[in-house]
Amino acid sequence: CDVVVCLSHLGLKGSLKGDDDESLITKTHGIDVVFGGHTHTFMPEPKCYLNDQGGNVYLFHSGSRGTSVGKLTLKLQRD
C-alpha cells in the first residue's frame, strides 16, 4: 500500500484568506495524510476531511515550539 503524506504550513481555517489545510484537502486528491502547522494548534487526534473525490484525508497538527511531539499510527489494508 502506498500512502501519500503532505507536509503543510498553511494552518487551520481562517489563517490565510482561504488558503488553509482544510481548503487544500477539499480541493485536491491523491493525498492521504496532511501534517500541518502555522497556527500552533495542538490536535490530540487527527481530524478526517473529504477530498475533491470524496476520499478520506486525515489532518494532524501537533502544537508549537516542541511542547509536544506528534505521532500518527496508520493501519493500512488493501482494497
Protein backbone atom coordinates (compact mmCIF):
# COMPACT_ATOMS: atom_id res chain seq x y z
CA CYS A 1 0.00 0.00 0.00
CA ASP A 2 1.24 3.46 -0.87
CA VAL A 3 0.47 6.37 1.43
CA VAL A 4 0.92 9.96 0.29
CA VAL A 5 1.78 12.35 3.11
CA CYS A 6 1.76 16.14 2.71
CA LEU A 7 3.68 18.48 4.99
CA SER A 8 1.93 21.86 5.15
CA HIS A 9 2.47 25.24 6.76
CA LEU A 10 -0.88 26.74 5.70
CA GLY A 11 -2.57 26.45 9.11
CA LEU A 12 -6.16 25.80 10.04
CA LYS A 13 -9.22 27.68 8.73
CA GLY A 14 -9.03 31.43 8.81
CA SER A 15 -5.24 31.65 8.99
CA LEU A 16 -4.84 32.98 5.43
CA LYS A 17 -7.63 34.18 3.14
CA GLY A 18 -8.97 30.81 2.01
CA ASP A 19 -5.56 29.13 1.81
CA ASP A 20 -5.50 26.69 4.69
CA ASP A 21 -5.12 22.96 5.28
CA GLU A 22 -8.85 22.29 5.05
CA SER A 23 -9.06 24.08 1.67
CA LEU A 24 -6.04 22.20 0.40
CA ILE A 25 -7.66 18.88 1.28
CA THR A 26 -11.06 19.66 -0.22
CA LYS A 27 -9.57 20.94 -3.49
CA THR A 28 -7.12 18.09 -4.18
CA HIS A 29 -6.91 14.31 -4.40
CA GLY A 30 -4.13 11.77 -4.08
CA ILE A 31 -3.15 12.88 -0.56
CA ASP A 32 -3.87 10.56 2.37
CA VAL A 33 -2.48 12.47 5.37
CA VAL A 34 -1.60 16.13 5.98
CA PHE A 35 0.79 17.07 8.78
CA GLY A 36 0.11 20.77 9.23
CA GLY A 37 1.49 23.74 11.06
CA HIS A 38 1.48 27.56 11.21
CA THR A 39 -1.42 28.12 13.62
CA HIS A 40 0.34 26.37 16.55
CA THR A 41 -2.72 24.21 17.11
CA PHE A 42 -2.49 21.02 19.15
CA MET A 43 -4.83 18.29 17.92
CA PRO A 44 -4.98 15.32 20.30
CA GLU A 45 -6.15 13.18 17.39
CA PRO A 46 -6.35 13.64 13.63
CA LYS A 47 -9.49 15.01 12.01
CA CYS A 48 -10.89 13.44 8.84
CA TYR A 49 -11.89 15.56 5.83
CA LEU A 50 -13.12 14.61 2.36
CA ASN A 51 -11.03 15.42 -0.71
CA ASP A 52 -12.47 16.57 -4.06
CA GLN A 53 -13.29 12.96 -4.98
CA GLY A 54 -14.94 12.05 -1.66
CA GLY A 55 -11.92 10.19 -0.25
CA ASN A 56 -10.81 10.42 3.37
CA VAL A 57 -7.82 12.61 4.22
CA TYR A 58 -6.54 12.91 7.78
CA LEU A 59 -5.25 16.24 9.11
CA PHE A 60 -2.96 16.43 12.12
CA HIS A 61 -1.31 19.38 13.92
CA SER A 62 1.00 18.82 16.89
CA GLY A 63 1.25 22.21 18.57
CA SER A 64 4.25 24.51 18.63
CA ARG A 65 7.73 25.14 19.94
CA GLY A 66 8.36 21.47 20.68
CA THR A 67 5.91 21.37 23.58
CA SER A 68 4.55 18.10 22.20
CA VAL A 69 5.59 15.55 19.64
CA GLY A 70 3.02 14.32 17.17
CA LYS A 71 2.74 10.65 16.37
CA LEU A 72 0.28 9.17 13.94
CA THR A 73 -0.04 5.42 13.51
CA LEU A 74 -1.74 4.26 10.32
CA LYS A 75 -3.29 0.83 9.91
CA LEU A 76 -3.38 0.03 6.22
CA GLN A 77 -5.45 -2.56 4.44
CA ARG A 78 -5.76 -3.48 0.81
CA ASP A 79 -8.93 -2.52 -1.03
